[in-house]
Every structure is written in C-alpha cells, then in structure tokens.
C-alpha cells in the first residue's frame, strides 16, 4: 500500500455530502439517486457526483433496476468501518468537540 492510495481514500471521506450519503445508505439500505436526494435535501446532480466518487473507491455498490441504478454501502468493509468511526466519535468526540451540537442537529445517529 502506498501513501497515495491512503490519500485518495481519505479525500473521498473528506466531503460532508459523501459521508452523509454513506451514512444514509448504511442506515436506510440501498436506494436510488432520487430517494437519496430527497432524503438528504441535496440536488440530484450533487448526489450523482458524490456516488460516482464513492464508487471509484468501492465505498458503494451499484445494481441496475430497470432504468434506475440502486446504490448500497459496501457491506463487507464500509459498514464495519462506519460503525467503528461512529463508535470513536461517540466515545472521544462527543463532549470535547465544538462541532458536536451542530452534528446532533443534523440528526447524526450514533450506533454503539
């Protein structure tokens, strides 16, 4: 593994919209672009662009359903990773991070 591959990995996760898309798919299951867009109050083009980036690093999977493409979180690696990250945030960041109150307002649910 090179540092460049880790840089790309964290660059993909460095975007709030992409992280929210991942959290949504992890919590709600596989969805199409329009469902994601509606639930997260994002433009469809922003969701499509975010999903393309997430797909480039295999954070999400895609399955065709008729004319629609259904996106789901990579259950093998990303779901457990999100659970660990959320556990870390809940354990170490809740009281010590200034942004925590804002994140609670965005309905960021923590799974322990």
C-alpha atoms as a PDB file:
ATOM      1  CA  UNK A   1       0.000   0.000   0.000  1.00  0.00           C
ATOM      2  CA  UNK A   2       1.257   3.461  -0.821  1.00  0.00           C
ATOM      3  CA  UNK A   3       0.586   6.783   0.829  1.00  0.00           C
ATOM      4  CA  UNK A   4      -1.151   7.942  -2.343  1.00  0.00           C
ATOM      5  CA  UNK A   5      -3.845   5.265  -2.010  1.00  0.00           C
ATOM      6  CA  UNK A   6      -4.500   6.330   1.584  1.00  0.00           C
ATOM      7  CA  UNK A   7      -4.632   9.963   0.499  1.00  0.00           C
ATOM      8  CA  UNK A   8      -7.320   9.138  -2.068  1.00  0.00           C
ATOM      9  CA  UNK A   9      -9.266   7.096   0.489  1.00  0.00           C
ATOM     10  CA  UNK A  10      -9.370   9.958   2.989  1.00  0.00           C
ATOM     11  CA  UNK A  11     -10.007  12.541   0.275  1.00  0.00           C
ATOM     12  CA  UNK A  12     -13.177  10.654  -0.656  1.00  0.00           C
ATOM     13  CA  UNK A  13     -14.258  10.689   3.007  1.00  0.00           C
ATOM     14  CA  UNK A  14     -13.283  14.356   3.378  1.00  0.00           C
ATOM     15  CA  UNK A  15     -16.534  15.579   1.837  1.00  0.00           C
ATOM     16  CA  UNK A  16     -19.566  16.025   4.138  1.00  0.00           C
ATOM     17  CA  UNK A  17     -22.088  15.222   1.424  1.00  0.00           C
ATOM     18  CA  UNK A  18     -20.378  11.952   0.530  1.00  0.00           C
ATOM     19  CA  UNK A  19     -20.156  10.955   4.200  1.00  0.00           C
ATOM     20  CA  UNK A  20     -23.840  11.751   4.703  1.00  0.00           C
ATOM     21  CA  UNK A  21     -24.703   9.676   1.631  1.00  0.00           C
ATOM     22  CA  UNK A  22     -22.734   6.771   3.098  1.00  0.00           C
ATOM     23  CA  UNK A  23     -24.398   7.134   6.499  1.00  0.00           C
ATOM     24  CA  UNK A  24     -27.823   7.314   4.878  1.00  0.00           C
ATOM     25  CA  UNK A  25     -27.251   4.203   2.758  1.00  0.00           C
ATOM     26  CA  UNK A  26     -25.811   2.346   5.725  1.00  0.00           C
ATOM     27  CA  UNK A  27     -28.823   3.238   7.882  1.00  0.00           C
ATOM     28  CA  UNK A  28     -31.615   3.012   5.289  1.00  0.00           C
ATOM     29  CA  UNK A  29     -30.347   0.384   2.846  1.00  0.00           C
ATOM     30  CA  UNK A  30     -29.862   0.555  -0.910  1.00  0.00           C
ATOM     31  CA  UNK A  31     -31.563   3.474  -2.655  1.00  0.00           C
ATOM     32  CA  UNK A  32     -31.712   5.276  -5.973  1.00  0.00           C
ATOM     33  CA  UNK A  33     -30.362   8.762  -6.607  1.00  0.00           C
ATOM     34  CA  UNK A  34     -33.769  10.447  -6.353  1.00  0.00           C
ATOM     35  CA  UNK A  35     -34.511   8.802  -2.978  1.00  0.00           C
ATOM     36  CA  UNK A  36     -31.112   9.849  -1.618  1.00  0.00           C
ATOM     37  CA  UNK A  37     -31.530  13.357  -2.980  1.00  0.00           C
ATOM     38  CA  UNK A  38     -34.959  13.766  -1.401  1.00  0.00           C
ATOM     39  CA  UNK A  39     -33.960  12.331   1.985  1.00  0.00           C
ATOM     40  CA  UNK A  40     -30.793  14.419   2.296  1.00  0.00           C
ATOM     41  CA  UNK A  41     -32.205  17.559   0.648  1.00  0.00           C
ATOM     42  CA  UNK A  42     -29.430  17.588  -1.972  1.00  0.00           C
ATOM     43  CA  UNK A  43     -29.546  18.265  -5.695  1.00  0.00           C
ATOM     44  CA  UNK A  44     -29.690  15.060  -7.751  1.00  0.00           C
ATOM     45  CA  UNK A  45     -26.577  16.132  -9.659  1.00  0.00           C
ATOM     46  CA  UNK A  46     -24.657  16.522  -6.364  1.00  0.00           C
ATOM     47  CA  UNK A  47     -25.783  13.072  -5.234  1.00  0.00           C
ATOM     48  CA  UNK A  48     -24.829  11.521  -8.587  1.00  0.00           C
ATOM     49  CA  UNK A  49     -21.415  13.157  -8.465  1.00  0.00           C
ATOM     50  CA  UNK A  50     -20.882  12.030  -4.859  1.00  0.00           C
ATOM     51  CA  UNK A  51     -21.912   8.473  -5.695  1.00  0.00           C
ATOM     52  CA  UNK A  52     -19.523   8.419  -8.656  1.00  0.00           C
ATOM     53  CA  UNK A  53     -16.667   9.369  -6.312  1.00  0.00           C
ATOM     54  CA  UNK A  54     -17.748   6.811  -3.708  1.00  0.00           C
ATOM     55  CA  UNK A  55     -17.988   4.151  -6.400  1.00  0.00           C
ATOM     56  CA  UNK A  56     -14.451   4.929  -7.591  1.00  0.00           C
ATOM     57  CA  UNK A  57     -13.117   3.684  -4.246  1.00  0.00           C
ATOM     58  CA  UNK A  58     -15.730   0.913  -3.850  1.00  0.00           C
ATOM     59  CA  UNK A  59     -17.365   2.570  -0.850  1.00  0.00           C
ATOM     60  CA  UNK A  60     -20.691   1.808  -2.528  1.00  0.00           C
ATOM     61  CA  UNK A  61     -22.030  -0.882  -4.812  1.00  0.00           C
ATOM     62  CA  UNK A  62     -24.453  -0.341  -7.679  1.00  0.00           C
ATOM     63  CA  UNK A  63     -27.143  -2.584  -9.120  1.00  0.00           C
ATOM     64  CA  UNK A  64     -29.292  -1.777 -12.140  1.00  0.00           C
ATOM     65  CA  UNK A  65     -33.061  -1.988 -11.574  1.00  0.00           C
ATOM     66  CA  UNK A  66     -34.784  -1.248 -14.845  1.00  0.00           C
ATOM     67  CA  UNK A  67     -33.664   2.222 -15.896  1.00  0.00           C
ATOM     68  CA  UNK A  68     -32.626   3.119 -12.361  1.00  0.00           C
ATOM     69  CA  UNK A  69     -29.348   2.393 -10.603  1.00  0.00           C
ATOM     70  CA  UNK A  70     -29.617   1.365  -6.960  1.00  0.00           C
ATOM     71  CA  UNK A  71     -26.691   2.190  -4.683  1.00  0.00           C
ATOM     72  CA  UNK A  72     -25.822   0.434  -1.465  1.00  0.00           C
ATOM     73  CA  UNK A  73     -22.993   0.699   1.012  1.00  0.00           C
ATOM     74  CA  UNK A  74     -20.154  -1.830   0.707  1.00  0.00           C
ATOM     75  CA  UNK A  75     -21.326  -4.201   3.459  1.00  0.00           C
ATOM     76  CA  UNK A  76     -18.042  -6.091   3.720  1.00  0.00           C
ATOM     77  CA  UNK A  77     -15.738  -3.204   4.557  1.00  0.00           C
ATOM     78  CA  UNK A  78     -17.515   0.147   4.723  1.00  0.00           C
ATOM     79  CA  UNK A  79     -20.374  -0.723   7.101  1.00  0.00           C
ATOM     80  CA  UNK A  80     -17.974  -2.021   9.771  1.00  0.00           C
ATOM     81  CA  UNK A  81     -15.698   0.975   9.164  1.00  0.00           C
ATOM     82  CA  UNK A  82     -18.585   3.420   9.679  1.00  0.00           C
ATOM     83  CA  UNK A  83     -19.567   1.629  12.876  1.00  0.00           C
ATOM     84  CA  UNK A  84     -16.005   1.945  14.203  1.00  0.00           C
ATOM     85  CA  UNK A  85     -15.746   5.609  13.232  1.00  0.00           C
ATOM     86  CA  UNK A  86     -19.091   6.412  14.856  1.00  0.00           C
ATOM     87  CA  UNK A  87     -18.061   4.497  17.997  1.00  0.00           C
ATOM     88  CA  UNK A  88     -14.849   6.531  18.125  1.00  0.00           C
ATOM     89  CA  UNK A  89     -16.745   9.812  17.661  1.00  0.00           C
ATOM     90  CA  UNK A  90     -19.271   8.874  20.336  1.00  0.00           C
ATOM     91  CA  UNK A  91     -16.552   7.797  22.769  1.00  0.00           C
ATOM     92  CA  UNK A  92     -13.952  10.512  22.247  1.00  0.00           C
ATOM     93  CA  UNK A  93     -15.507  13.465  20.431  1.00  0.00           C
ATOM     94  CA  UNK A  94     -18.952  13.979  21.941  1.00  0.00           C
ATOM     95  CA  UNK A  95     -18.008  16.236  24.821  1.00  0.00           C
ATOM     96  CA  UNK A  96     -14.667  17.519  23.591  1.00  0.00           C
ATOM     97  CA  UNK A  97     -15.526  18.688  20.088  1.00  0.00           C
ATOM     98  CA  UNK A  98     -17.159  22.049  19.465  1.00  0.00           C
ATOM     99  CA  UNK A  99     -19.000  20.772  16.383  1.00  0.00           C
ATOM    100  CA  UNK A 100     -20.911  18.066  18.256  1.00  0.00           C
ATOM    101  CA  UNK A 101     -24.040  20.158  18.956  1.00  0.00           C
ATOM    102  CA  UNK A 102     -24.278  21.071  15.276  1.00  0.00           C
ATOM    103  CA  UNK A 103     -23.956  17.424  14.243  1.00  0.00           C
ATOM    104  CA  UNK A 104     -26.740  16.390  16.649  1.00  0.00           C
ATOM    105  CA  UNK A 105     -28.983  18.952  14.951  1.00  0.00           C
ATOM    106  CA  UNK A 106     -28.333  17.249  11.604  1.00  0.00           C
ATOM    107  CA  UNK A 107     -29.715  14.007  13.084  1.00  0.00           C
ATOM    108  CA  UNK A 108     -26.452  12.117  13.006  1.00  0.00           C
ATOM    109  CA  UNK A 109     -27.400   8.878  14.776  1.00  0.00           C
ATOM    110  CA  UNK A 110     -24.648   7.020  16.616  1.00  0.00           C
ATOM    111  CA  UNK A 111     -24.644   3.230  16.770  1.00  0.00           C
ATOM    112  CA  UNK A 112     -22.789   1.731  19.723  1.00  0.00           C
END
